Amino acid sequence: MAIKTEKLQEGWVVFTRFYCKEGFWDRVIGDQANNPNNPHKSNISLNSFESYWRCNTGKWIEQSCLSPRNSILPMINEFGEEFTAEEILDELQRINPIISYEYEDEN
């Protein structure tokens, strides 16, 4: 069965949400000049693209920092129905111990 997804927007950031057994992962793909953690979209374009991910309501992290081997989406697709978003994050950190992902709950 396919993971449920939807397109959402928060401020200027348009992203795709991937639902897990509990919680979710969000992904935004865009120009490197536009860090989704910034309150405003950049006025410049570097013509170089980057994917950013966040687990639940955490901060946005560059994919290259979170998972250099591009393993996030395959893990979500394979394990998202059986595991929570936090459990997938724990596994990513186990596989790649240099990951520094500080969970920030905005509530």
N, C-alpha and C. Protein backbone atom coordinates (compact mmCIF):
# COMPACT_ATOMS: atom_id res chain seq x y z
N MET A 1 0.84 -1.18 0.00
CA MET A 1 0.00 0.00 0.00
C MET A 1 0.89 1.25 0.00
N ALA A 2 0.49 2.26 -0.73
CA ALA A 2 1.28 3.48 -0.86
C ALA A 2 1.10 4.39 0.36
N ILE A 3 2.16 5.09 0.69
CA ILE A 3 2.13 6.06 1.78
C ILE A 3 1.23 7.23 1.37
N LYS A 4 0.41 7.70 2.29
CA LYS A 4 -0.45 8.85 2.02
C LYS A 4 0.40 10.12 1.99
N THR A 5 0.18 10.95 0.97
CA THR A 5 0.89 12.22 0.85
C THR A 5 -0.11 13.34 0.55
N GLU A 6 0.31 14.55 0.82
CA GLU A 6 -0.48 15.71 0.41
C GLU A 6 0.44 16.91 0.26
N LYS A 7 0.03 17.85 -0.59
CA LYS A 7 0.76 19.11 -0.78
C LYS A 7 0.20 20.13 0.20
N LEU A 8 1.10 20.85 0.87
CA LEU A 8 0.71 21.86 1.85
C LEU A 8 1.54 23.11 1.66
N GLN A 9 1.13 24.18 2.31
CA GLN A 9 1.88 25.43 2.28
C GLN A 9 1.84 26.08 3.65
N GLU A 10 3.02 26.52 4.11
CA GLU A 10 3.15 27.31 5.33
C GLU A 10 3.94 28.55 4.96
N GLY A 11 3.29 29.70 4.99
CA GLY A 11 3.95 30.92 4.54
C GLY A 11 4.31 30.78 3.07
N TRP A 12 5.56 31.02 2.74
CA TRP A 12 6.01 30.93 1.35
C TRP A 12 6.46 29.52 0.97
N VAL A 13 6.54 28.61 1.94
CA VAL A 13 7.09 27.27 1.72
C VAL A 13 5.99 26.30 1.30
N VAL A 14 6.13 25.73 0.10
CA VAL A 14 5.22 24.70 -0.40
C VAL A 14 5.96 23.37 -0.28
N PHE A 15 5.32 22.37 0.32
CA PHE A 15 6.01 21.11 0.58
C PHE A 15 5.06 19.93 0.46
N THR A 16 5.64 18.74 0.44
CA THR A 16 4.87 17.50 0.41
C THR A 16 4.99 16.85 1.78
N ARG A 17 3.86 16.41 2.32
CA ARG A 17 3.83 15.72 3.61
C ARG A 17 3.64 14.22 3.35
N PHE A 18 4.48 13.41 4.00
CA PHE A 18 4.42 11.95 3.91
C PHE A 18 4.00 11.44 5.28
N TYR A 19 2.84 10.80 5.36
CA TYR A 19 2.31 10.33 6.63
C TYR A 19 2.86 8.95 6.99
N CYS A 20 3.22 8.79 8.24
CA CYS A 20 3.71 7.52 8.77
C CYS A 20 2.63 6.92 9.67
N LYS A 21 2.95 5.79 10.28
CA LYS A 21 2.03 5.16 11.23
C LYS A 21 1.56 6.19 12.25
N GLU A 22 2.49 6.99 12.71
CA GLU A 22 2.20 8.10 13.62
C GLU A 22 3.18 9.21 13.28
N GLY A 23 2.70 10.40 13.10
CA GLY A 23 3.56 11.51 12.72
C GLY A 23 3.73 11.59 11.21
N PHE A 24 4.68 12.41 10.80
CA PHE A 24 4.87 12.64 9.37
C PHE A 24 6.26 13.20 9.10
N TRP A 25 6.64 13.11 7.84
CA TRP A 25 7.84 13.76 7.32
C TRP A 25 7.40 14.75 6.26
N ASP A 26 8.02 15.92 6.22
CA ASP A 26 7.75 16.92 5.20
C ASP A 26 9.00 17.09 4.34
N ARG A 27 8.78 17.28 3.02
CA ARG A 27 9.90 17.51 2.10
C ARG A 27 9.60 18.71 1.22
N VAL A 28 10.58 19.59 1.11
CA VAL A 28 10.51 20.71 0.17
C VAL A 28 11.73 20.61 -0.74
N ILE A 29 11.51 20.80 -2.02
CA ILE A 29 12.60 20.81 -2.99
C ILE A 29 12.62 22.20 -3.62
N GLY A 30 13.77 22.85 -3.58
CA GLY A 30 13.83 24.19 -4.15
C GLY A 30 15.26 24.68 -4.30
N ASP A 31 15.37 25.91 -4.72
CA ASP A 31 16.67 26.54 -4.92
C ASP A 31 17.41 26.63 -3.59
N GLN A 32 18.72 26.41 -3.63
CA GLN A 32 19.52 26.45 -2.41
C GLN A 32 19.47 27.80 -1.70
N ALA A 33 19.13 28.84 -2.41
CA ALA A 33 19.04 30.17 -1.79
C ALA A 33 17.83 30.29 -0.88
N ASN A 34 16.90 29.37 -0.99
CA ASN A 34 15.64 29.45 -0.24
C ASN A 34 15.58 28.41 0.88
N ASN A 35 16.19 28.72 1.99
CA ASN A 35 16.13 27.85 3.15
C ASN A 35 14.74 28.00 3.79
N PRO A 36 13.98 26.91 3.90
CA PRO A 36 12.62 27.02 4.44
C PRO A 36 12.56 27.43 5.91
N ASN A 37 13.68 27.44 6.61
CA ASN A 37 13.70 27.94 7.99
C ASN A 37 13.66 29.46 8.05
N ASN A 38 13.94 30.12 6.92
CA ASN A 38 13.92 31.58 6.88
C ASN A 38 12.49 32.09 6.74
N PRO A 39 12.18 33.23 7.35
CA PRO A 39 10.81 33.73 7.30
C PRO A 39 10.37 34.23 5.92
N HIS A 40 11.34 34.56 5.05
CA HIS A 40 10.99 35.09 3.73
C HIS A 40 11.77 34.35 2.65
N LYS A 41 11.16 34.24 1.48
CA LYS A 41 11.81 33.65 0.33
C LYS A 41 12.90 34.59 -0.16
N SER A 42 14.01 34.03 -0.60
CA SER A 42 15.13 34.83 -1.09
C SER A 42 14.77 35.51 -2.42
N ASN A 43 15.37 36.66 -2.66
CA ASN A 43 15.17 37.37 -3.92
C ASN A 43 16.15 36.93 -4.99
N ILE A 44 17.07 36.04 -4.64
CA ILE A 44 18.05 35.57 -5.62
C ILE A 44 17.80 34.10 -5.92
N SER A 45 18.38 33.64 -7.00
CA SER A 45 18.29 32.23 -7.39
C SER A 45 19.70 31.74 -7.71
N LEU A 46 20.08 30.63 -7.11
CA LEU A 46 21.40 30.05 -7.37
C LEU A 46 21.36 29.00 -8.48
N ASN A 47 20.15 28.67 -8.94
CA ASN A 47 19.96 27.64 -9.97
C ASN A 47 20.61 26.32 -9.57
N SER A 48 20.59 26.03 -8.30
CA SER A 48 21.08 24.78 -7.75
C SER A 48 20.07 24.33 -6.71
N PHE A 49 19.60 23.10 -6.84
CA PHE A 49 18.49 22.67 -6.02
C PHE A 49 18.92 21.81 -4.85
N GLU A 50 18.12 21.87 -3.80
CA GLU A 50 18.35 21.12 -2.56
C GLU A 50 17.01 20.64 -2.03
N SER A 51 17.03 19.48 -1.42
CA SER A 51 15.85 18.98 -0.71
C SER A 51 16.04 19.23 0.77
N TYR A 52 14.99 19.66 1.43
CA TYR A 52 14.98 19.84 2.88
C TYR A 52 13.90 18.94 3.45
N TRP A 53 14.17 18.37 4.60
CA TRP A 53 13.23 17.48 5.28
C TRP A 53 13.02 17.98 6.70
N ARG A 54 11.84 17.66 7.25
CA ARG A 54 11.63 17.86 8.69
C ARG A 54 10.76 16.71 9.19
N CYS A 55 11.06 16.32 10.40
CA CYS A 55 10.31 15.26 11.07
C CYS A 55 9.29 15.93 11.98
N ASN A 56 8.02 15.66 11.73
CA ASN A 56 6.93 16.28 12.47
C ASN A 56 7.06 17.80 12.40
N THR A 57 7.15 18.48 13.51
CA THR A 57 7.23 19.95 13.47
C THR A 57 8.63 20.45 13.78
N GLY A 58 9.64 19.64 13.51
CA GLY A 58 11.02 20.05 13.75
C GLY A 58 11.50 21.08 12.75
N LYS A 59 12.77 21.42 12.85
CA LYS A 59 13.33 22.37 11.89
C LYS A 59 13.65 21.66 10.58
N TRP A 60 13.71 22.43 9.51
CA TRP A 60 14.06 21.89 8.20
C TRP A 60 15.56 21.63 8.16
N ILE A 61 15.94 20.44 7.65
CA ILE A 61 17.34 20.04 7.55
C ILE A 61 17.63 19.67 6.10
N GLU A 62 18.78 20.10 5.58
CA GLU A 62 19.18 19.72 4.23
C GLU A 62 19.31 18.21 4.14
N GLN A 63 18.82 17.65 3.05
CA GLN A 63 18.90 16.20 2.88
C GLN A 63 20.34 15.72 2.97
N SER A 64 21.28 16.46 2.39
CA SER A 64 22.68 16.05 2.41
C SER A 64 23.24 15.96 3.83
N CYS A 65 22.67 16.71 4.77
CA CYS A 65 23.10 16.64 6.17
C CYS A 65 22.38 15.53 6.92
N LEU A 66 21.15 15.27 6.55
CA LEU A 66 20.34 14.28 7.25
C LEU A 66 20.63 12.86 6.77
N SER A 67 20.81 12.71 5.47
CA SER A 67 21.06 11.39 4.90
C SER A 67 21.85 11.53 3.61
N PRO A 68 23.17 11.46 3.68
CA PRO A 68 23.98 11.64 2.48
C PRO A 68 23.68 10.64 1.37
N ARG A 69 23.13 9.50 1.72
CA ARG A 69 22.87 8.46 0.70
C ARG A 69 21.46 8.52 0.14
N ASN A 70 20.75 9.63 0.35
CA ASN A 70 19.40 9.79 -0.18
C ASN A 70 18.46 8.67 0.24
N SER A 71 18.57 8.24 1.48
CA SER A 71 17.79 7.08 1.94
C SER A 71 16.50 7.45 2.66
N ILE A 72 16.15 8.72 2.74
CA ILE A 72 14.98 9.10 3.52
C ILE A 72 13.69 8.65 2.85
N LEU A 73 13.46 9.04 1.61
CA LEU A 73 12.21 8.69 0.94
C LEU A 73 12.02 7.18 0.81
N PRO A 74 13.04 6.41 0.41
CA PRO A 74 12.84 4.95 0.38
C PRO A 74 12.48 4.37 1.75
N MET A 75 13.07 4.91 2.81
CA MET A 75 12.74 4.41 4.15
C MET A 75 11.30 4.74 4.52
N ILE A 76 10.86 5.95 4.19
CA ILE A 76 9.48 6.33 4.48
C ILE A 76 8.51 5.45 3.69
N ASN A 77 8.80 5.26 2.41
CA ASN A 77 7.92 4.42 1.58
C ASN A 77 7.87 2.98 2.06
N GLU A 78 9.00 2.46 2.51
CA GLU A 78 9.05 1.06 2.93
C GLU A 78 8.53 0.84 4.35
N PHE A 79 8.81 1.77 5.26
CA PHE A 79 8.52 1.53 6.67
C PHE A 79 7.48 2.47 7.29
N GLY A 80 7.01 3.45 6.54
CA GLY A 80 6.11 4.46 7.08
C GLY A 80 4.80 3.94 7.63
N GLU A 81 4.29 2.85 7.06
CA GLU A 81 3.02 2.30 7.56
C GLU A 81 3.21 1.50 8.84
N GLU A 82 4.42 1.01 9.08
CA GLU A 82 4.69 0.17 10.24
C GLU A 82 5.36 0.93 11.39
N PHE A 83 6.05 2.03 11.07
CA PHE A 83 6.83 2.74 12.07
C PHE A 83 6.44 4.21 12.12
N THR A 84 6.70 4.84 13.26
CA THR A 84 6.40 6.26 13.41
C THR A 84 7.50 7.09 12.74
N ALA A 85 7.21 8.36 12.53
CA ALA A 85 8.21 9.26 11.96
C ALA A 85 9.45 9.33 12.86
N GLU A 86 9.24 9.36 14.16
CA GLU A 86 10.36 9.41 15.12
C GLU A 86 11.21 8.13 15.04
N GLU A 87 10.57 6.98 14.87
CA GLU A 87 11.33 5.73 14.76
C GLU A 87 12.18 5.71 13.49
N ILE A 88 11.65 6.26 12.41
CA ILE A 88 12.44 6.35 11.18
C ILE A 88 13.62 7.29 11.39
N LEU A 89 13.39 8.40 12.07
CA LEU A 89 14.49 9.32 12.38
C LEU A 89 15.54 8.62 13.24
N ASP A 90 15.12 7.87 14.24
CA ASP A 90 16.06 7.12 15.08
C ASP A 90 16.90 6.17 14.25
N GLU A 91 16.28 5.50 13.28
CA GLU A 91 17.01 4.57 12.42
C GLU A 91 17.99 5.32 11.52
N LEU A 92 17.58 6.46 10.98
CA LEU A 92 18.51 7.27 10.18
C LEU A 92 19.72 7.69 11.01
N GLN A 93 19.49 8.05 12.27
CA GLN A 93 20.60 8.44 13.15
C GLN A 93 21.48 7.25 13.50
N ARG A 94 20.89 6.07 13.59
CA ARG A 94 21.68 4.87 13.87
C ARG A 94 22.58 4.54 12.67
N ILE A 95 22.02 4.64 11.47
CA ILE A 95 22.77 4.35 10.25
C ILE A 95 23.87 5.39 10.03
N ASN A 96 23.55 6.63 10.30
CA ASN A 96 24.48 7.74 10.06
C ASN A 96 24.64 8.54 11.36
N PRO A 97 25.56 8.12 12.23
CA PRO A 97 25.67 8.74 13.55
C PRO A 97 26.07 10.21 13.53
N ILE A 98 26.50 10.75 12.40
CA ILE A 98 26.88 12.17 12.37
C ILE A 98 25.67 13.08 12.23
N ILE A 99 24.48 12.49 12.05
CA ILE A 99 23.27 13.30 11.92
C ILE A 99 23.02 14.06 13.22
N SER A 100 22.81 15.33 13.09
CA SER A 100 22.45 16.16 14.23
C SER A 100 21.10 16.79 13.92
N TYR A 101 20.06 16.19 14.44
CA TYR A 101 18.71 16.67 14.18
C TYR A 101 18.06 16.96 15.51
N GLU A 102 17.94 18.22 15.84
CA GLU A 102 17.32 18.60 17.10
C GLU A 102 15.84 18.83 16.88
N TYR A 103 15.04 18.07 17.56
CA TYR A 103 13.59 18.18 17.43
C TYR A 103 13.11 19.44 18.12
N GLU A 104 12.39 20.27 17.38
CA GLU A 104 11.87 21.52 17.94
C GLU A 104 10.36 21.51 17.81
N ASP A 105 9.68 21.34 18.90
CA ASP A 105 8.22 21.36 18.88
C ASP A 105 7.76 22.80 19.02
N GLU A 106 6.99 23.28 18.04
CA GLU A 106 6.54 24.67 18.04
C GLU A 106 5.32 24.87 18.92
N ASN A 107 4.72 23.82 19.43
CA ASN A 107 3.51 23.94 20.27
C ASN A 107 3.88 24.13 21.72
